[in-house]
Amino acid sequence: MNINFLSNFLSNKSLRIDRLLTIGIGKKLGKLTTNYSDLRIPILMYHSISNEVEKVRHPYFKTSTSPRVFAEHMKFLQENHYVVISLAEAVDIITRKPQPVTRNHSLNTRNPVVLTFDDGFADFNTEAFPILQEYGFCATVFLPTGFISEKRGTFKGIKCLSWEEVQNLAASGVQFGSHTITHRKMRELSWDQIDREIKESKKSIEDRIGTSAASFSYPYAFPEEEQGFKTRLRISLVETGYTNGVTTIIGTATEDDDRLFLRRIPVNSDDDTNLFRAKLAGSYDWVHGLQRGFKLIRQILGTKKGKTAEPPKGSEFE
């Protein structure tokens, strides 16, 4: 079976093989393809909360979640007794630090979940935040600071938050982290450029909200197989003052994960209740095996051609 056939087969919208496998035997696949641990925390990765119609080759690549579906997701969390915690609290749990009792619950809960939102879109304020307030849920929003302005900037054609909105949301309990300045593919940048992206974005956020911005979200595909790059990036993040971070690596966070490169679960409008439930349970983690395999294949092909193979245009997760 060649790679193109496999890719097309998995991308068939009518079959939705990834959905069928996730709901049917996802847990068993996860045990075969990942280091399976009893201690797992789903960190959900949202982007735009809007009715944007996305032209993508498979629902896997979608990044928009409609307000209706987002409301259904939050209702599901509340009705199924999930406890929404911060990234810092999640790191404490997976590193097995003593857990205090906070917000009327123990962080030793069996059903913790973290909510994150990439790209700093304005619809977080208008669509997501009112629903989060309704349920008393906390969240972290990652800002590409070069697109956040006093007026109304745009990123990928979508309106972004203004600094005034960021300040108001921060005052209401929303946490903010860095998504770099320019949201460029960091693997293509020099280390001087990378250092500037992570340092100046952090400072911009902290200057505006008056509190620490200790969380970092890596834009685009994370080069998980490049140990040298990861080591150098980790040093830079720690020296800059970041204490936790997330990536586009698919999976629930475990005690084996680096606290600065945590896995996440992508979520979008195509996640109905059954698929959403399965993702929360860790049954979607098997997809990381495919994600990693395709990265390795592209890396090998790119090396043979004398350059790094690029992911499909517009791909956020590959």
Protein backbone atom coordinates (compact mmCIF):
# COMPACT_ATOMS: atom_id res chain seq x y z
CA MET A 1 0.00 0.00 0.00
CA ASN A 2 1.68 3.26 -1.05
CA ILE A 3 1.60 6.42 1.07
CA ASN A 4 -0.71 8.38 -1.24
CA PHE A 5 -3.32 5.62 -1.20
CA LEU A 6 -3.16 5.37 2.60
CA SER A 7 -3.48 9.14 2.97
CA ASN A 8 -6.45 9.31 0.58
CA PHE A 9 -8.10 6.36 2.29
CA LEU A 10 -7.86 7.99 5.72
CA SER A 11 -8.99 11.31 4.23
CA ASN A 12 -12.22 9.96 2.74
CA LYS A 13 -14.89 12.27 4.16
CA SER A 14 -17.70 9.79 3.69
CA LEU A 15 -15.84 7.02 5.51
CA ARG A 16 -14.29 9.12 8.31
CA ILE A 17 -12.05 6.18 9.19
CA ASP A 18 -10.45 8.13 12.02
CA ARG A 19 -13.86 8.62 13.66
CA LEU A 20 -14.94 5.00 13.23
CA LEU A 21 -11.68 3.66 14.64
CA THR A 22 -11.62 6.17 17.50
CA ILE A 23 -15.12 5.34 18.70
CA GLY A 24 -14.84 1.63 17.97
CA ILE A 25 -11.38 0.52 19.05
CA GLY A 26 -9.48 3.72 19.79
CA LYS A 27 -8.47 2.70 23.30
CA LYS A 28 -6.94 -0.56 22.05
CA LEU A 29 -5.13 1.22 19.22
CA GLY A 30 -3.78 3.74 21.73
CA LYS A 31 -2.23 0.98 23.82
CA LEU A 32 -0.45 -0.31 20.73
CA THR A 33 0.80 3.02 19.37
CA THR A 34 1.52 5.10 22.49
CA ASN A 35 3.04 4.70 25.91
CA TYR A 36 -0.27 4.26 27.67
CA SER A 37 -0.57 5.56 31.22
CA ASP A 38 -3.44 5.60 33.68
CA LEU A 39 -2.71 9.26 34.40
CA ARG A 40 -3.92 11.20 31.36
CA ILE A 41 -5.27 14.74 31.05
CA PRO A 42 -7.01 15.92 27.87
CA ILE A 43 -5.86 19.40 26.88
CA LEU A 44 -8.37 20.53 24.28
CA MET A 45 -7.12 22.70 21.43
CA TYR A 46 -9.66 25.12 20.02
CA HIS A 47 -9.03 27.92 17.54
CA SER A 48 -11.84 30.03 16.11
CA ILE A 49 -15.31 29.72 17.65
CA SER A 50 -17.33 30.68 14.61
CA ASN A 51 -19.45 29.38 11.76
CA GLU A 52 -16.61 29.76 9.28
CA VAL A 53 -16.84 27.31 6.39
CA GLU A 54 -13.42 25.75 5.92
CA LYS A 55 -12.24 24.21 2.66
CA VAL A 56 -10.04 21.36 3.85
CA ARG A 57 -9.40 17.83 2.55
CA HIS A 58 -10.46 16.14 5.80
CA PRO A 59 -12.27 17.18 9.01
CA TYR A 60 -9.00 16.46 10.86
CA PHE A 61 -7.59 19.70 9.45
CA LYS A 62 -10.48 21.93 10.52
CA THR A 63 -9.76 24.54 13.16
CA SER A 64 -13.15 26.24 13.55
CA THR A 65 -15.80 25.18 16.02
CA SER A 66 -19.28 26.59 15.66
CA PRO A 67 -20.75 28.36 18.71
CA ARG A 68 -23.48 25.72 18.81
CA VAL A 69 -21.04 22.82 18.91
CA PHE A 70 -18.81 24.61 21.41
CA ALA A 71 -21.81 25.11 23.70
CA GLU A 72 -22.60 21.39 23.38
CA HIS A 73 -19.02 20.51 24.31
CA MET A 74 -19.07 22.70 27.42
CA LYS A 75 -22.46 21.30 28.44
CA PHE A 76 -21.09 17.78 28.03
CA LEU A 77 -18.14 18.57 30.31
CA GLN A 78 -20.44 19.96 32.98
CA GLU A 79 -23.00 17.17 32.80
CA ASN A 80 -20.32 14.46 32.88
CA HIS A 81 -18.53 15.95 35.88
CA TYR A 82 -15.32 17.03 34.17
CA VAL A 83 -13.33 19.56 36.18
CA VAL A 84 -11.81 22.31 34.04
CA ILE A 85 -8.37 23.23 35.36
CA SER A 86 -5.52 25.49 34.24
CA LEU A 87 -2.40 24.38 32.42
CA ALA A 88 -0.33 25.02 35.54
CA GLU A 89 -2.65 22.78 37.55
CA ALA A 90 -2.42 20.07 34.89
CA VAL A 91 1.37 20.17 35.07
CA ASP A 92 1.20 19.81 38.85
CA ILE A 93 -0.97 16.74 38.46
CA ILE A 94 1.13 14.95 35.83
CA THR A 95 4.33 15.70 37.76
CA ARG A 96 2.57 14.37 40.87
CA LYS A 97 3.05 17.45 43.00
CA PRO A 98 0.85 17.68 46.14
CA GLN A 99 -2.55 18.95 45.07
CA PRO A 100 -4.36 21.66 47.01
CA VAL A 101 -8.11 22.05 47.14
CA THR A 102 -9.11 25.00 45.00
CA ARG A 103 -12.33 26.36 43.51
CA ASN A 104 -14.28 23.96 45.72
CA HIS A 105 -12.75 20.83 44.25
CA SER A 106 -9.71 18.67 44.76
CA LEU A 107 -7.22 18.61 41.92
CA ASN A 108 -6.91 14.89 42.54
CA THR A 109 -10.16 14.61 40.58
CA ARG A 110 -10.54 11.70 38.16
CA ASN A 111 -11.86 13.93 35.36
CA PRO A 112 -9.61 16.96 34.82
CA VAL A 113 -9.60 18.75 31.45
CA VAL A 114 -7.85 21.87 30.15
CA LEU A 115 -9.26 24.34 27.62
CA THR A 116 -6.88 26.18 25.30
CA PHE A 117 -7.50 28.54 22.37
CA ASP A 118 -4.83 29.34 19.78
CA ASP A 119 -4.43 32.45 17.63
CA GLY A 120 -6.19 35.08 19.78
CA PHE A 121 -9.29 35.43 17.64
CA ALA A 122 -11.90 38.03 18.58
CA ASP A 123 -14.65 35.42 18.57
CA PHE A 124 -13.20 34.02 21.80
CA ASN A 125 -14.52 37.16 23.48
CA THR A 126 -17.89 37.26 21.72
CA GLU A 127 -18.71 33.54 21.44
CA ALA A 128 -16.59 31.38 23.76
CA PHE A 129 -16.17 33.55 26.85
CA PRO A 130 -19.91 34.01 27.63
CA ILE A 131 -20.33 30.22 27.56
CA LEU A 132 -17.26 29.68 29.73
CA GLN A 133 -18.65 32.19 32.22
CA GLU A 134 -21.96 30.36 32.28
CA TYR A 135 -20.23 27.19 33.48
CA GLY A 136 -17.49 28.84 35.51
CA PHE A 137 -14.76 27.33 33.32
CA CYS A 138 -11.24 28.72 33.04
CA ALA A 139 -9.21 28.85 29.82
CA THR A 140 -5.87 29.85 28.33
CA VAL A 141 -5.70 31.90 25.14
CA PHE A 142 -2.46 31.95 23.14
CA LEU A 143 -1.70 35.21 21.37
CA PRO A 144 0.42 35.79 18.24
CA THR A 145 1.21 39.25 19.54
CA GLY A 146 2.11 40.78 16.18
CA PHE A 147 -1.57 40.51 15.21
CA ILE A 148 -2.95 41.94 18.47
CA SER A 149 -3.28 45.72 18.35
CA GLU A 150 -5.11 48.70 19.76
CA LYS A 151 -7.44 48.50 16.82
CA ARG A 152 -8.74 45.33 15.17
CA GLY A 153 -6.03 43.24 13.55
CA THR A 154 -6.63 40.09 11.53
CA PHE A 155 -4.87 36.74 11.28
CA LYS A 156 -5.65 34.22 8.53
CA GLY A 157 -8.46 36.56 7.50
CA ILE A 158 -10.15 36.35 10.91
CA LYS A 159 -10.47 39.27 13.31
CA CYS A 160 -8.25 39.16 16.37
CA LEU A 161 -8.69 40.42 19.91
CA SER A 162 -7.65 43.97 20.69
CA TRP A 163 -5.31 44.71 23.60
CA GLU A 164 -8.23 46.33 25.44
CA GLU A 165 -10.23 43.10 25.13
CA VAL A 166 -7.22 41.09 26.28
CA GLN A 167 -6.91 43.29 29.36
CA ASN A 168 -10.62 42.99 30.15
CA LEU A 169 -10.59 39.22 29.72
CA ALA A 170 -7.48 38.90 31.89
CA ALA A 171 -9.20 40.92 34.60
CA SER A 172 -12.07 38.40 34.39
CA GLY A 173 -9.78 35.42 34.96
CA VAL A 174 -8.78 34.34 31.45
CA GLN A 175 -5.12 33.34 31.25
CA PHE A 176 -2.95 34.38 28.32
CA GLY A 177 0.15 32.80 26.88
CA SER A 178 2.47 33.34 23.94
CA HIS A 179 1.93 31.99 20.45
CA THR A 180 5.07 33.83 19.26
CA ILE A 181 4.94 37.22 17.54
CA THR A 182 4.45 36.32 13.90
CA HIS A 183 3.16 32.71 14.03
CA ARG A 184 5.87 31.63 11.62
CA LYS A 185 7.20 28.09 11.31
CA MET A 186 9.90 28.20 13.96
CA ARG A 187 11.95 25.38 12.45
CA GLU A 188 12.65 27.68 9.50
CA LEU A 189 13.98 30.53 11.66
CA SER A 190 17.43 31.28 13.03
CA TRP A 191 17.96 30.96 16.78
CA ASP A 192 18.21 34.74 17.08
CA GLN A 193 14.79 35.00 15.45
CA ILE A 194 13.34 32.23 17.62
CA ASP A 195 14.63 33.86 20.80
CA ARG A 196 13.05 37.15 19.77
CA GLU A 197 9.73 35.46 18.95
CA ILE A 198 9.42 33.84 22.38
CA LYS A 199 10.90 36.65 24.49
CA GLU A 200 9.25 39.72 23.00
CA SER A 201 5.82 38.09 22.72
CA LYS A 202 5.94 37.18 26.41
CA LYS A 203 6.99 40.69 27.39
CA SER A 204 4.26 42.29 25.27
CA ILE A 205 1.56 40.23 26.98
CA GLU A 206 2.90 40.85 30.47
CA ASP A 207 3.23 44.59 29.87
CA ARG A 208 -0.42 44.70 28.82
CA ILE A 209 -2.06 42.49 31.44
CA GLY A 210 0.26 43.19 34.37
CA THR A 211 0.73 39.51 35.31
CA SER A 212 2.99 36.67 34.25
CA ALA A 213 2.48 34.94 30.90
CA ALA A 214 4.14 31.62 31.69
CA SER A 215 2.55 29.42 29.00
CA PHE A 216 3.78 28.92 25.43
CA SER A 217 2.05 27.37 22.42
CA TYR A 218 4.23 26.15 19.57
CA PRO A 219 2.78 27.21 16.18
CA TYR A 220 2.30 24.65 13.41
CA ALA A 221 3.74 21.14 13.48
CA PHE A 222 6.07 20.40 16.37
CA PRO A 223 9.34 18.69 15.26
CA GLU A 224 9.13 15.99 17.91
CA GLU A 225 11.81 13.80 16.31
CA GLU A 226 14.46 16.53 16.27
CA GLN A 227 16.01 16.17 19.70
CA GLY A 228 18.66 18.84 19.19
CA PHE A 229 16.09 21.45 18.23
CA LYS A 230 13.84 20.50 21.15
CA THR A 231 16.71 20.73 23.64
CA ARG A 232 17.80 24.16 22.41
CA LEU A 233 14.21 25.44 22.34
CA ARG A 234 13.57 24.15 25.85
CA ILE A 235 16.61 26.00 27.18
CA SER A 236 15.39 29.22 25.59
CA LEU A 237 11.87 28.80 26.97
CA VAL A 238 13.12 28.11 30.51
CA GLU A 239 15.55 31.03 30.44
CA THR A 240 12.72 33.31 29.28
CA GLY A 241 10.53 32.25 32.21
CA TYR A 242 8.02 29.87 30.69
CA THR A 243 6.87 27.10 33.04
CA ASN A 244 4.57 25.13 30.72
CA GLY A 245 3.81 24.82 27.05
CA VAL A 246 1.67 22.99 24.50
CA THR A 247 2.12 21.64 21.01
CA THR A 248 0.09 20.22 18.13
CA ILE A 249 1.25 16.69 18.98
CA ILE A 250 -1.95 14.69 19.26
CA GLY A 251 -2.72 12.95 22.52
CA THR A 252 -3.71 13.34 26.13
CA ALA A 253 -1.02 14.70 28.45
CA THR A 254 0.75 12.17 30.66
CA GLU A 255 3.47 12.05 33.30
CA ASP A 256 5.94 11.08 30.56
CA ASP A 257 5.45 14.36 28.67
CA ASP A 258 7.77 17.33 28.89
CA ARG A 259 5.86 20.09 30.71
CA LEU A 260 6.93 22.57 28.00
CA PHE A 261 5.84 20.37 25.09
CA LEU A 262 2.51 18.91 26.19
CA ARG A 263 0.24 17.02 23.82
CA ARG A 264 -3.23 18.27 22.97
CA ILE A 265 -6.48 17.05 21.46
CA PRO A 266 -7.63 19.06 18.41
CA VAL A 267 -11.33 19.91 18.45
CA ASN A 268 -13.61 21.35 15.76
CA SER A 269 -17.21 21.51 14.55
CA ASP A 270 -17.14 17.88 13.35
CA ASP A 271 -16.74 16.55 16.89
CA ASP A 272 -20.20 15.24 17.73
CA THR A 273 -20.93 13.98 21.23
CA ASN A 274 -19.67 10.44 20.60
CA LEU A 275 -16.39 11.55 19.07
CA PHE A 276 -15.92 14.27 21.71
CA ARG A 277 -16.46 11.71 24.48
CA ALA A 278 -13.94 9.35 22.88
CA LYS A 279 -11.33 12.08 22.52
CA LEU A 280 -11.67 13.01 26.18
CA ALA A 281 -11.22 9.34 27.14
CA GLY A 282 -7.92 9.10 25.25
CA SER A 283 -9.34 7.03 22.41
CA TYR A 284 -8.07 9.50 19.79
CA ASP A 285 -4.46 9.20 20.96
CA TRP A 286 -3.75 6.48 18.41
CA VAL A 287 -3.80 9.14 15.68
CA HIS A 288 -0.45 10.34 16.99
CA GLY A 289 1.09 7.16 15.58
CA LEU A 290 -0.04 8.18 12.09
CA GLN A 291 0.93 11.80 12.66
CA ARG A 292 4.43 10.77 13.74
CA GLY A 293 4.77 8.26 10.91
CA PHE A 294 3.94 10.82 8.23
CA LYS A 295 6.40 13.29 9.82
CA LEU A 296 9.16 10.67 9.68
CA ILE A 297 8.38 9.81 6.06
CA ARG A 298 8.46 13.47 5.04
CA GLN A 299 11.70 13.94 6.96
CA ILE A 300 13.31 10.97 5.17
CA LEU A 301 12.08 12.11 1.75
CA GLY A 302 13.22 15.65 2.49
CA THR A 303 16.64 14.44 3.55
CA LYS A 304 17.05 12.45 0.33
CA LYS A 305 16.20 15.58 -1.65
CA GLY A 306 18.59 17.65 0.43
CA LYS A 307 15.94 19.69 2.19
CA THR A 308 13.21 19.35 4.78
CA ALA A 309 9.92 18.14 3.33
CA GLU A 310 7.05 20.51 3.97
CA PRO A 311 3.57 19.62 5.23
CA PRO A 312 0.52 20.30 3.05
CA LYS A 313 -0.26 23.98 2.63
CA GLY A 314 -2.61 25.20 5.33
CA SER A 315 -1.95 22.24 7.61
CA GLU A 316 -1.88 23.21 11.30
CA PHE A 317 -1.24 19.78 12.76
CA GLU A 318 1.18 18.01 10.37
